[in-house]
Structures are given as C-alpha cells and as structure tokens.
Amino acid sequence: MANKIHTGSGMIPGQMQVASGHITLNADMPTVSVIVANIGDRPIQIGSHYHFYEANDALTFERELTLGFRLNIAAGTAIRFEPGQSRTVELVAFGGNRMVYGFQGKVMGSIDEFTAQHAVTDKEACCENKDEGK
C-alpha cells in the first residue's frame, strides 16, 4: 500500500476544497434557444465551446441567430445529434475579446466585426435585389 504524503496543511496533494453551494454558469450572458435538426446520415457531436454558427451543415437551424454563440453547457462536455433527431438547445454568447479562429473558417477574427460586415453585405444584397425588380 502506498504511503500518504502529508503537506502539513492537512490536505493531500491534488486534493481540492470547494465552498458549499451552487455555481451559476454564464451569469448575465446573452442566451438564445434554437431548434436544431440533424438531416444527415451520421451522428454529429458539438462541443461546449464550438462556435455554433460554424457547426456541421447537416445540422439545420436558424444559423444567423447563432453567430457569436456556443452551447450553454459545462466546459468539456458536448451534445450529440443523432440522424433525424431534432431538439432545442440553449446557446450563450462568447465572452472575452470575442475572437474566433478555426472551425470552418467562416469568421477568423472578431465576431463583432464579422457581424457588422455581414449585416452591410446582407443590406447591399437586399437593395440590389430590389433594384433588379424595377
């Protein structure tokens, strides 16, 4: 049997002492709920900090609503969407400096700058389409 190492503080190395009570995750952060359906033929798993806007294209949902959001679940966990499955998920806004890199490469920088540029592009496309109808 291994001997216990004592630190003099009464704690065992690696031991954690936490306060009693509950921890509120993502308090006061904006959230949004979306209905997500997996129309693909393979299961899709999305991790806690994946930029939901850039999730697999076989997942259908109101993608524009999810720009700058991730799943509102504990860090290191994930949600799995089976083929044909539909469910409502709650998303929470990214905090900090709101910089996103990687994923599908759709943003690659500031979420807020991308959102502003995306809104301008959508507005220009809308106006061009109206002009074509004249």
N, C-alpha and C. Protein backbone atom coordinates (compact mmCIF):
# COMPACT_ATOMS: atom_id res chain seq x y z
N MET A 1 0.85 -1.16 0.00
CA MET A 1 0.00 0.00 0.00
C MET A 1 0.91 1.24 0.00
N ALA A 2 0.52 2.23 -0.81
CA ALA A 2 1.29 3.47 -0.90
C ALA A 2 1.09 4.31 0.36
N ASN A 3 2.14 4.98 0.74
CA ASN A 3 2.06 5.88 1.89
C ASN A 3 1.44 7.19 1.46
N LYS A 4 0.64 7.78 2.32
CA LYS A 4 0.06 9.09 2.04
C LYS A 4 1.13 10.15 2.30
N ILE A 5 1.17 11.14 1.41
CA ILE A 5 2.09 12.26 1.59
C ILE A 5 1.34 13.36 2.32
N HIS A 6 1.90 13.85 3.38
CA HIS A 6 1.25 14.92 4.14
C HIS A 6 1.99 16.22 3.89
N THR A 7 1.24 17.27 3.70
CA THR A 7 1.83 18.58 3.40
C THR A 7 1.93 19.47 4.61
N GLY A 8 1.43 19.04 5.72
CA GLY A 8 1.43 19.87 6.91
C GLY A 8 0.18 20.71 7.02
N SER A 9 -0.57 20.83 5.93
CA SER A 9 -1.80 21.64 5.95
C SER A 9 -3.02 20.76 6.17
N GLY A 10 -2.80 19.48 6.26
CA GLY A 10 -3.93 18.57 6.42
C GLY A 10 -4.54 18.15 5.09
N MET A 11 -4.00 18.67 4.00
CA MET A 11 -4.52 18.31 2.67
C MET A 11 -3.59 17.31 2.00
N ILE A 12 -4.14 16.48 1.17
CA ILE A 12 -3.39 15.53 0.36
C ILE A 12 -3.08 16.22 -0.97
N PRO A 13 -1.86 16.06 -1.53
CA PRO A 13 -1.55 16.70 -2.81
C PRO A 13 -2.61 16.36 -3.87
N GLY A 14 -3.08 17.39 -4.55
CA GLY A 14 -4.12 17.21 -5.57
C GLY A 14 -5.53 17.35 -5.04
N GLN A 15 -5.67 17.35 -3.72
CA GLN A 15 -6.99 17.49 -3.11
C GLN A 15 -7.52 18.90 -3.34
N MET A 16 -8.80 19.01 -3.56
CA MET A 16 -9.44 20.30 -3.76
C MET A 16 -10.51 20.51 -2.70
N GLN A 17 -10.56 21.69 -2.13
CA GLN A 17 -11.61 22.05 -1.20
C GLN A 17 -12.41 23.18 -1.82
N VAL A 18 -13.69 22.97 -1.94
CA VAL A 18 -14.55 23.98 -2.56
C VAL A 18 -15.63 24.41 -1.57
N ALA A 19 -16.10 25.61 -1.76
CA ALA A 19 -17.16 26.14 -0.90
C ALA A 19 -18.47 25.42 -1.19
N SER A 20 -19.33 25.36 -0.22
CA SER A 20 -20.63 24.74 -0.43
C SER A 20 -21.51 25.67 -1.25
N GLY A 21 -22.53 25.12 -1.87
CA GLY A 21 -23.46 25.93 -2.65
C GLY A 21 -23.37 25.61 -4.13
N HIS A 22 -24.08 26.38 -4.92
CA HIS A 22 -24.13 26.16 -6.35
C HIS A 22 -23.32 27.20 -7.09
N ILE A 23 -22.79 26.81 -8.23
CA ILE A 23 -22.07 27.73 -9.10
C ILE A 23 -22.97 28.04 -10.29
N THR A 24 -23.19 29.31 -10.55
CA THR A 24 -24.01 29.71 -11.69
C THR A 24 -23.09 29.93 -12.88
N LEU A 25 -23.32 29.17 -13.94
CA LEU A 25 -22.52 29.31 -15.15
C LEU A 25 -23.09 30.40 -16.04
N ASN A 26 -22.22 31.16 -16.66
CA ASN A 26 -22.60 32.15 -17.68
C ASN A 26 -23.64 33.15 -17.19
N ALA A 27 -23.54 33.56 -15.94
CA ALA A 27 -24.49 34.52 -15.38
C ALA A 27 -24.45 35.83 -16.15
N ASP A 28 -25.61 36.37 -16.42
CA ASP A 28 -25.77 37.66 -17.09
C ASP A 28 -25.23 37.70 -18.52
N MET A 29 -25.02 36.54 -19.14
CA MET A 29 -24.58 36.49 -20.54
C MET A 29 -25.81 36.32 -21.43
N PRO A 30 -25.84 36.95 -22.61
CA PRO A 30 -26.98 36.77 -23.52
C PRO A 30 -27.10 35.31 -23.95
N THR A 31 -28.33 34.82 -24.03
CA THR A 31 -28.59 33.46 -24.49
C THR A 31 -29.64 33.48 -25.59
N VAL A 32 -29.67 32.41 -26.35
CA VAL A 32 -30.68 32.23 -27.39
C VAL A 32 -30.97 30.73 -27.48
N SER A 33 -32.23 30.38 -27.73
CA SER A 33 -32.60 28.98 -27.91
C SER A 33 -32.96 28.75 -29.37
N VAL A 34 -32.46 27.66 -29.93
CA VAL A 34 -32.76 27.33 -31.32
C VAL A 34 -33.13 25.86 -31.43
N ILE A 35 -33.98 25.56 -32.40
CA ILE A 35 -34.33 24.17 -32.70
C ILE A 35 -33.34 23.69 -33.75
N VAL A 36 -32.69 22.56 -33.46
CA VAL A 36 -31.65 22.01 -34.33
C VAL A 36 -32.07 20.62 -34.79
N ALA A 37 -31.95 20.36 -36.09
CA ALA A 37 -32.27 19.04 -36.64
C ALA A 37 -31.06 18.51 -37.40
N ASN A 38 -30.76 17.25 -37.21
CA ASN A 38 -29.69 16.59 -37.97
C ASN A 38 -30.33 15.92 -39.17
N ILE A 39 -30.13 16.49 -40.36
CA ILE A 39 -30.70 15.93 -41.59
C ILE A 39 -29.71 15.01 -42.29
N GLY A 40 -28.55 14.80 -41.68
CA GLY A 40 -27.54 13.93 -42.25
C GLY A 40 -27.78 12.47 -41.90
N ASP A 41 -26.85 11.62 -42.34
CA ASP A 41 -26.97 10.19 -42.06
C ASP A 41 -25.95 9.69 -41.04
N ARG A 42 -25.27 10.62 -40.39
CA ARG A 42 -24.28 10.30 -39.37
C ARG A 42 -24.54 11.13 -38.11
N PRO A 43 -24.21 10.58 -36.94
CA PRO A 43 -24.32 11.37 -35.71
C PRO A 43 -23.35 12.55 -35.76
N ILE A 44 -23.74 13.66 -35.15
CA ILE A 44 -22.90 14.86 -35.09
C ILE A 44 -22.82 15.29 -33.63
N GLN A 45 -21.61 15.49 -33.16
CA GLN A 45 -21.41 15.91 -31.78
C GLN A 45 -20.78 17.30 -31.78
N ILE A 46 -21.33 18.20 -30.99
CA ILE A 46 -20.83 19.57 -30.89
C ILE A 46 -20.34 19.80 -29.46
N GLY A 47 -19.11 20.26 -29.34
CA GLY A 47 -18.51 20.51 -28.03
C GLY A 47 -18.95 21.83 -27.43
N SER A 48 -18.69 21.97 -26.14
CA SER A 48 -19.16 23.12 -25.36
C SER A 48 -18.70 24.47 -25.89
N HIS A 49 -17.54 24.56 -26.48
CA HIS A 49 -17.01 25.87 -26.90
C HIS A 49 -16.91 26.00 -28.42
N TYR A 50 -17.62 25.15 -29.15
CA TYR A 50 -17.60 25.24 -30.61
C TYR A 50 -18.52 26.38 -31.05
N HIS A 51 -18.04 27.22 -31.96
CA HIS A 51 -18.84 28.34 -32.48
C HIS A 51 -20.02 27.74 -33.26
N PHE A 52 -21.21 27.80 -32.68
CA PHE A 52 -22.36 27.08 -33.22
C PHE A 52 -22.71 27.51 -34.64
N TYR A 53 -22.48 28.75 -34.98
CA TYR A 53 -22.72 29.28 -36.33
C TYR A 53 -21.98 28.45 -37.38
N GLU A 54 -20.83 27.89 -37.00
CA GLU A 54 -20.00 27.14 -37.92
C GLU A 54 -20.16 25.63 -37.79
N ALA A 55 -21.22 25.19 -37.14
CA ALA A 55 -21.46 23.76 -36.95
C ALA A 55 -21.71 23.08 -38.30
N ASN A 56 -21.59 21.78 -38.30
CA ASN A 56 -21.79 20.94 -39.48
C ASN A 56 -23.03 21.37 -40.26
N ASP A 57 -22.90 21.47 -41.59
CA ASP A 57 -24.01 21.90 -42.44
C ASP A 57 -25.18 20.91 -42.47
N ALA A 58 -24.96 19.68 -41.99
CA ALA A 58 -26.06 18.72 -41.90
C ALA A 58 -26.99 19.04 -40.72
N LEU A 59 -26.59 19.98 -39.88
CA LEU A 59 -27.47 20.47 -38.81
C LEU A 59 -28.21 21.68 -39.35
N THR A 60 -29.53 21.62 -39.33
CA THR A 60 -30.32 22.76 -39.81
C THR A 60 -30.90 23.51 -38.62
N PHE A 61 -30.78 24.83 -38.67
CA PHE A 61 -31.29 25.71 -37.62
C PHE A 61 -31.17 27.13 -38.14
N GLU A 62 -31.71 28.09 -37.39
CA GLU A 62 -31.61 29.50 -37.78
C GLU A 62 -30.17 29.96 -37.54
N ARG A 63 -29.32 29.65 -38.49
CA ARG A 63 -27.87 29.85 -38.35
C ARG A 63 -27.50 31.29 -38.00
N GLU A 64 -28.15 32.27 -38.61
CA GLU A 64 -27.81 33.67 -38.36
C GLU A 64 -27.98 34.05 -36.88
N LEU A 65 -28.95 33.43 -36.20
CA LEU A 65 -29.16 33.73 -34.78
C LEU A 65 -28.01 33.26 -33.91
N THR A 66 -27.22 32.32 -34.41
CA THR A 66 -26.19 31.68 -33.59
C THR A 66 -24.81 32.29 -33.76
N LEU A 67 -24.68 33.33 -34.57
CA LEU A 67 -23.39 33.98 -34.79
C LEU A 67 -22.88 34.56 -33.47
N GLY A 68 -21.72 34.07 -33.02
CA GLY A 68 -21.14 34.54 -31.76
C GLY A 68 -21.62 33.77 -30.54
N PHE A 69 -22.25 32.62 -30.74
CA PHE A 69 -22.79 31.83 -29.63
C PHE A 69 -22.20 30.42 -29.62
N ARG A 70 -22.22 29.81 -28.43
CA ARG A 70 -21.79 28.43 -28.22
C ARG A 70 -22.82 27.76 -27.32
N LEU A 71 -22.74 26.44 -27.19
CA LEU A 71 -23.67 25.73 -26.33
C LEU A 71 -23.54 26.20 -24.88
N ASN A 72 -24.67 26.34 -24.21
CA ASN A 72 -24.68 26.75 -22.80
C ASN A 72 -24.64 25.50 -21.92
N ILE A 73 -23.50 24.81 -21.98
CA ILE A 73 -23.28 23.59 -21.20
C ILE A 73 -21.91 23.70 -20.55
N ALA A 74 -21.64 22.84 -19.60
CA ALA A 74 -20.36 22.88 -18.88
C ALA A 74 -19.18 22.65 -19.82
N ALA A 75 -18.08 23.32 -19.55
CA ALA A 75 -16.86 23.18 -20.34
C ALA A 75 -16.44 21.72 -20.41
N GLY A 76 -16.02 21.30 -21.60
CA GLY A 76 -15.53 19.94 -21.79
C GLY A 76 -16.62 18.93 -22.10
N THR A 77 -17.87 19.35 -22.10
CA THR A 77 -18.96 18.43 -22.43
C THR A 77 -19.43 18.70 -23.86
N ALA A 78 -20.35 17.88 -24.34
CA ALA A 78 -20.84 18.01 -25.72
C ALA A 78 -22.28 17.53 -25.81
N ILE A 79 -22.92 17.87 -26.92
CA ILE A 79 -24.26 17.38 -27.22
C ILE A 79 -24.18 16.63 -28.54
N ARG A 80 -24.81 15.48 -28.59
CA ARG A 80 -24.80 14.62 -29.77
C ARG A 80 -26.16 14.67 -30.44
N PHE A 81 -26.16 14.85 -31.75
CA PHE A 81 -27.38 14.88 -32.55
C PHE A 81 -27.38 13.64 -33.45
N GLU A 82 -28.30 12.73 -33.18
CA GLU A 82 -28.40 11.52 -34.00
C GLU A 82 -29.09 11.85 -35.32
N PRO A 83 -28.86 11.06 -36.38
CA PRO A 83 -29.53 11.30 -37.66
C PRO A 83 -31.05 11.34 -37.48
N GLY A 84 -31.68 12.36 -38.04
CA GLY A 84 -33.13 12.50 -37.95
C GLY A 84 -33.62 13.13 -36.66
N GLN A 85 -32.74 13.34 -35.72
CA GLN A 85 -33.12 13.90 -34.42
C GLN A 85 -33.24 15.41 -34.49
N SER A 86 -34.22 15.93 -33.76
CA SER A 86 -34.42 17.37 -33.63
C SER A 86 -34.57 17.69 -32.15
N ARG A 87 -33.93 18.77 -31.72
CA ARG A 87 -34.05 19.18 -30.32
C ARG A 87 -33.77 20.66 -30.18
N THR A 88 -34.24 21.23 -29.09
CA THR A 88 -33.98 22.63 -28.79
C THR A 88 -32.76 22.71 -27.89
N VAL A 89 -31.83 23.61 -28.25
CA VAL A 89 -30.64 23.81 -27.43
C VAL A 89 -30.54 25.27 -27.03
N GLU A 90 -29.95 25.51 -25.87
CA GLU A 90 -29.71 26.89 -25.44
C GLU A 90 -28.24 27.22 -25.71
N LEU A 91 -28.03 28.38 -26.30
CA LEU A 91 -26.69 28.86 -26.61
C LEU A 91 -26.40 30.09 -25.77
N VAL A 92 -25.12 30.33 -25.51
CA VAL A 92 -24.69 31.51 -24.75
C VAL A 92 -23.65 32.25 -25.58
N ALA A 93 -23.66 33.57 -25.47
CA ALA A 93 -22.72 34.39 -26.24
C ALA A 93 -21.29 34.15 -25.77
N PHE A 94 -20.35 34.18 -26.72
CA PHE A 94 -18.94 34.16 -26.36
C PHE A 94 -18.63 35.42 -25.57
N GLY A 95 -17.77 35.31 -24.59
CA GLY A 95 -17.35 36.47 -23.81
C GLY A 95 -15.94 36.87 -24.19
N GLY A 96 -15.28 37.57 -23.31
CA GLY A 96 -13.90 37.98 -23.53
C GLY A 96 -13.75 38.91 -24.72
N ASN A 97 -12.68 38.70 -25.50
CA ASN A 97 -12.45 39.58 -26.65
C ASN A 97 -13.24 39.16 -27.89
N ARG A 98 -14.01 38.09 -27.80
CA ARG A 98 -14.92 37.61 -28.86
C ARG A 98 -14.20 37.40 -30.19
N MET A 99 -13.02 36.78 -30.12
CA MET A 99 -12.25 36.44 -31.31
C MET A 99 -12.42 34.95 -31.56
N VAL A 100 -12.71 34.58 -32.81
CA VAL A 100 -12.93 33.18 -33.16
C VAL A 100 -12.03 32.83 -34.35
N TYR A 101 -11.26 31.75 -34.19
CA TYR A 101 -10.39 31.27 -35.27
C TYR A 101 -10.60 29.78 -35.44
N GLY A 102 -10.48 29.30 -36.68
CA GLY A 102 -10.59 27.88 -36.94
C GLY A 102 -12.00 27.47 -37.29
N PHE A 103 -12.45 26.36 -36.72
CA PHE A 103 -13.77 25.81 -37.01
C PHE A 103 -13.91 25.62 -38.52
N GLN A 104 -14.87 26.22 -39.19
CA GLN A 104 -15.00 26.13 -40.65
C GLN A 104 -14.34 27.33 -41.34
N GLY A 105 -13.71 28.20 -40.58
CA GLY A 105 -13.01 29.34 -41.16
C GLY A 105 -13.93 30.44 -41.65
N LYS A 106 -15.15 30.48 -41.16
CA LYS A 106 -16.12 31.49 -41.64
C LYS A 106 -15.89 32.86 -41.02
N VAL A 107 -15.39 32.92 -39.80
CA VAL A 107 -15.23 34.21 -39.12
C VAL A 107 -13.76 34.64 -39.10
N MET A 108 -12.88 33.85 -38.52
CA MET A 108 -11.44 34.09 -38.49
C MET A 108 -11.07 35.47 -37.95
N GLY A 109 -11.56 35.79 -36.78
CA GLY A 109 -11.23 37.06 -36.14
C GLY A 109 -12.35 37.51 -35.22
N SER A 110 -12.58 38.81 -35.21
CA SER A 110 -13.58 39.41 -34.33
C SER A 110 -15.00 39.05 -34.76
N ILE A 111 -15.75 38.48 -33.84
CA ILE A 111 -17.15 38.16 -34.10
C ILE A 111 -17.93 39.44 -34.38
N ASP A 112 -17.65 40.48 -33.62
CA ASP A 112 -18.40 41.73 -33.76
C ASP A 112 -18.12 42.41 -35.10
N GLU A 113 -16.86 42.41 -35.55
CA GLU A 113 -16.54 42.99 -36.86
C GLU A 113 -17.18 42.17 -37.98
N PHE A 114 -17.13 40.83 -37.85
CA PHE A 114 -17.75 39.96 -38.85
C PHE A 114 -19.25 40.22 -38.92
N THR A 115 -19.89 40.36 -37.76
CA THR A 115 -21.33 40.61 -37.71
C THR A 115 -21.67 41.92 -38.40
N ALA A 116 -20.90 42.97 -38.12
CA ALA A 116 -21.14 44.28 -38.74
C ALA A 116 -20.95 44.20 -40.25
N GLN A 117 -19.89 43.54 -40.71
CA GLN A 117 -19.62 43.41 -42.14
C GLN A 117 -20.70 42.56 -42.81
N HIS A 118 -21.11 41.50 -42.12
CA HIS A 118 -22.14 40.60 -42.65
C HIS A 118 -23.47 41.35 -42.81
N ALA A 119 -23.79 42.21 -41.86
CA ALA A 119 -25.03 43.00 -41.93
C ALA A 119 -24.99 43.95 -43.11
N VAL A 120 -23.84 44.59 -43.37
CA VAL A 120 -23.70 45.50 -44.51
C VAL A 120 -23.86 44.73 -45.81
N THR A 121 -23.22 43.57 -45.91
CA THR A 121 -23.31 42.75 -47.12
C THR A 121 -24.74 42.32 -47.37
N ASP A 122 -25.46 41.89 -46.33
CA ASP A 122 -26.85 41.48 -46.48
C ASP A 122 -27.72 42.65 -46.92
N LYS A 123 -27.47 43.83 -46.36
CA LYS A 123 -28.25 45.02 -46.72
C LYS A 123 -28.01 45.38 -48.18
N GLU A 124 -26.75 45.32 -48.63
CA GLU A 124 -26.42 45.62 -50.03
C GLU A 124 -27.11 44.63 -50.96
N ALA A 125 -27.09 43.34 -50.61
CA ALA A 125 -27.72 42.32 -51.44
C ALA A 125 -29.22 42.55 -51.51
N CYS A 126 -29.83 42.94 -50.39
CA CYS A 126 -31.26 43.22 -50.34
C CYS A 126 -31.61 44.37 -51.28
N CYS A 127 -30.80 45.44 -51.22
CA CYS A 127 -31.07 46.61 -52.06
C CYS A 127 -30.85 46.31 -53.53
N GLU A 128 -29.83 45.50 -53.85
CA GLU A 128 -29.58 45.12 -55.24
C GLU A 128 -30.74 44.32 -55.79
N ASN A 129 -31.28 43.41 -54.97
CA ASN A 129 -32.42 42.60 -55.40
C ASN A 129 -33.65 43.46 -55.64
N LYS A 130 -33.85 44.49 -54.82
CA LYS A 130 -35.00 45.39 -55.00
C LYS A 130 -34.83 46.18 -56.29
N ASP A 131 -33.59 46.62 -56.59
CA ASP A 131 -33.33 47.40 -57.80
C ASP A 131 -33.56 46.55 -59.05
N GLU A 132 -33.25 45.25 -58.98
CA GLU A 132 -33.44 44.37 -60.12
C GLU A 132 -34.92 44.18 -60.44
N GLY A 133 -35.78 44.31 -59.44
CA GLY A 133 -37.22 44.10 -59.62
C GLY A 133 -37.91 45.27 -60.28
N LYS A 134 -37.22 46.39 -60.48
CA LYS A 134 -37.85 47.59 -61.07
C LYS A 134 -37.99 47.46 -62.55
